[in-house]
Amino acid sequence: MSQDKKKIFVYDEATKKEMEVDECGFEPEGLARKYLCINGKWDDYIHMEMYT
């Protein structure tokens, strides 16, 4: 029996969006430091997963 795993990364300062994905069943797995560079600024993202 296999499970599918869905992953998302939520911008660390987007607490409202994080609460919305919590309601969908995603659980925080960790913090990805300096995960993505936009306009020369590296940002942290919250790594979240859900098994289906």
N, C-alpha and C. Protein backbone atom coordinates (compact mmCIF):
# COMPACT_ATOMS: atom_id res chain seq x y z
N MET A 1 0.86 -1.18 0.00
CA MET A 1 0.00 0.00 0.00
C MET A 1 0.90 1.24 0.00
N SER A 2 0.74 2.09 -0.98
CA SER A 2 1.59 3.28 -1.04
C SER A 2 0.77 4.53 -0.73
N GLN A 3 1.48 5.49 -0.17
CA GLN A 3 0.85 6.77 0.13
C GLN A 3 1.47 7.83 -0.77
N ASP A 4 0.67 8.76 -1.20
CA ASP A 4 1.17 9.91 -1.94
C ASP A 4 1.53 11.00 -0.96
N LYS A 5 2.63 11.68 -1.24
CA LYS A 5 3.07 12.77 -0.39
C LYS A 5 3.03 14.06 -1.20
N LYS A 6 2.37 15.05 -0.67
CA LYS A 6 2.31 16.37 -1.30
C LYS A 6 3.13 17.33 -0.47
N LYS A 7 3.94 18.16 -1.14
CA LYS A 7 4.80 19.12 -0.45
C LYS A 7 4.48 20.52 -0.93
N ILE A 8 4.56 21.46 -0.02
CA ILE A 8 4.47 22.87 -0.38
C ILE A 8 5.46 23.65 0.47
N PHE A 9 5.85 24.79 -0.02
CA PHE A 9 6.71 25.69 0.72
C PHE A 9 5.99 27.02 0.84
N VAL A 10 5.81 27.50 2.06
CA VAL A 10 5.07 28.71 2.34
C VAL A 10 6.05 29.78 2.81
N TYR A 11 5.94 30.97 2.23
CA TYR A 11 6.79 32.09 2.62
C TYR A 11 6.69 32.29 4.12
N ASP A 12 7.84 32.40 4.77
CA ASP A 12 7.90 32.42 6.24
C ASP A 12 7.07 33.54 6.87
N GLU A 13 6.93 34.67 6.21
CA GLU A 13 6.18 35.78 6.80
C GLU A 13 4.70 35.77 6.42
N ALA A 14 4.27 34.76 5.69
CA ALA A 14 2.87 34.68 5.25
C ALA A 14 2.05 33.83 6.22
N THR A 15 1.83 34.31 7.42
CA THR A 15 1.16 33.52 8.45
C THR A 15 -0.30 33.21 8.10
N LYS A 16 -0.97 34.13 7.42
CA LYS A 16 -2.37 33.87 7.03
C LYS A 16 -2.44 32.70 6.04
N LYS A 17 -1.53 32.67 5.07
CA LYS A 17 -1.50 31.58 4.09
C LYS A 17 -1.15 30.27 4.78
N GLU A 18 -0.24 30.32 5.75
CA GLU A 18 0.15 29.11 6.48
C GLU A 18 -1.06 28.53 7.21
N MET A 19 -1.89 29.37 7.81
CA MET A 19 -3.07 28.89 8.51
C MET A 19 -4.05 28.24 7.52
N GLU A 20 -4.14 28.77 6.31
CA GLU A 20 -5.04 28.20 5.31
C GLU A 20 -4.59 26.80 4.90
N VAL A 21 -3.29 26.60 4.70
CA VAL A 21 -2.83 25.27 4.30
C VAL A 21 -2.90 24.30 5.48
N ASP A 22 -2.80 24.78 6.72
CA ASP A 22 -3.03 23.93 7.89
C ASP A 22 -4.44 23.35 7.85
N GLU A 23 -5.40 24.17 7.48
CA GLU A 23 -6.79 23.73 7.41
C GLU A 23 -7.00 22.69 6.32
N CYS A 24 -6.14 22.67 5.31
CA CYS A 24 -6.23 21.70 4.21
C CYS A 24 -5.59 20.37 4.57
N GLY A 25 -4.92 20.29 5.70
CA GLY A 25 -4.33 19.04 6.13
C GLY A 25 -2.82 18.98 6.04
N PHE A 26 -2.17 20.05 5.61
CA PHE A 26 -0.71 20.08 5.56
C PHE A 26 -0.15 20.30 6.95
N GLU A 27 0.98 19.65 7.24
CA GLU A 27 1.63 19.79 8.54
C GLU A 27 3.04 20.33 8.34
N PRO A 28 3.49 21.23 9.21
CA PRO A 28 4.84 21.77 9.06
C PRO A 28 5.89 20.69 9.31
N GLU A 29 6.89 20.66 8.45
CA GLU A 29 7.98 19.68 8.57
C GLU A 29 9.30 20.35 8.92
N GLY A 30 9.43 21.62 8.64
CA GLY A 30 10.68 22.30 8.94
C GLY A 30 10.77 23.64 8.26
N LEU A 31 11.93 24.27 8.41
CA LEU A 31 12.15 25.59 7.84
C LEU A 31 13.29 25.50 6.82
N ALA A 32 13.05 25.96 5.62
CA ALA A 32 14.07 25.99 4.57
C ALA A 32 14.67 27.40 4.55
N ARG A 33 15.85 27.53 5.14
CA ARG A 33 16.50 28.84 5.21
C ARG A 33 17.11 29.21 3.87
N LYS A 34 16.92 30.48 3.50
CA LYS A 34 17.45 31.01 2.25
C LYS A 34 17.11 30.09 1.08
N TYR A 35 15.83 29.71 0.97
CA TYR A 35 15.35 28.75 -0.01
C TYR A 35 15.21 29.36 -1.41
N LEU A 36 14.80 30.62 -1.48
CA LEU A 36 14.50 31.23 -2.77
C LEU A 36 14.97 32.68 -2.78
N CYS A 37 15.61 33.07 -3.88
CA CYS A 37 16.10 34.44 -4.03
C CYS A 37 15.19 35.19 -5.01
N ILE A 38 14.58 36.26 -4.53
CA ILE A 38 13.72 37.10 -5.36
C ILE A 38 14.22 38.53 -5.25
N ASN A 39 14.53 39.14 -6.38
CA ASN A 39 15.04 40.51 -6.42
C ASN A 39 16.27 40.70 -5.53
N GLY A 40 17.15 39.70 -5.52
CA GLY A 40 18.38 39.79 -4.76
C GLY A 40 18.26 39.53 -3.27
N LYS A 41 17.09 39.15 -2.78
CA LYS A 41 16.88 38.90 -1.35
C LYS A 41 16.52 37.43 -1.15
N TRP A 42 17.30 36.76 -0.31
CA TRP A 42 17.03 35.36 0.01
C TRP A 42 15.99 35.29 1.12
N ASP A 43 14.96 34.48 0.92
CA ASP A 43 13.88 34.35 1.89
C ASP A 43 13.78 32.93 2.43
N ASP A 44 13.31 32.83 3.68
CA ASP A 44 13.05 31.54 4.32
C ASP A 44 11.63 31.09 4.00
N TYR A 45 11.46 29.78 3.89
CA TYR A 45 10.15 29.20 3.61
C TYR A 45 9.87 28.06 4.57
N ILE A 46 8.61 27.88 4.92
CA ILE A 46 8.20 26.77 5.79
C ILE A 46 7.85 25.59 4.90
N HIS A 47 8.50 24.46 5.16
CA HIS A 47 8.27 23.24 4.41
C HIS A 47 7.10 22.50 5.06
N MET A 48 6.06 22.21 4.26
CA MET A 48 4.88 21.53 4.80
C MET A 48 4.57 20.32 3.92
N GLU A 49 4.06 19.26 4.53
CA GLU A 49 3.73 18.04 3.81
C GLU A 49 2.37 17.50 4.23
N MET A 50 1.79 16.70 3.30
CA MET A 50 0.53 16.03 3.59
C MET A 50 0.58 14.66 2.90
N TYR A 51 0.23 13.62 3.62
CA TYR A 51 0.16 12.28 3.06
C TYR A 51 -1.30 11.97 2.74
N THR A 52 -1.51 11.41 1.54
CA THR A 52 -2.88 11.06 1.15
C THR A 52 -3.00 9.60 0.86
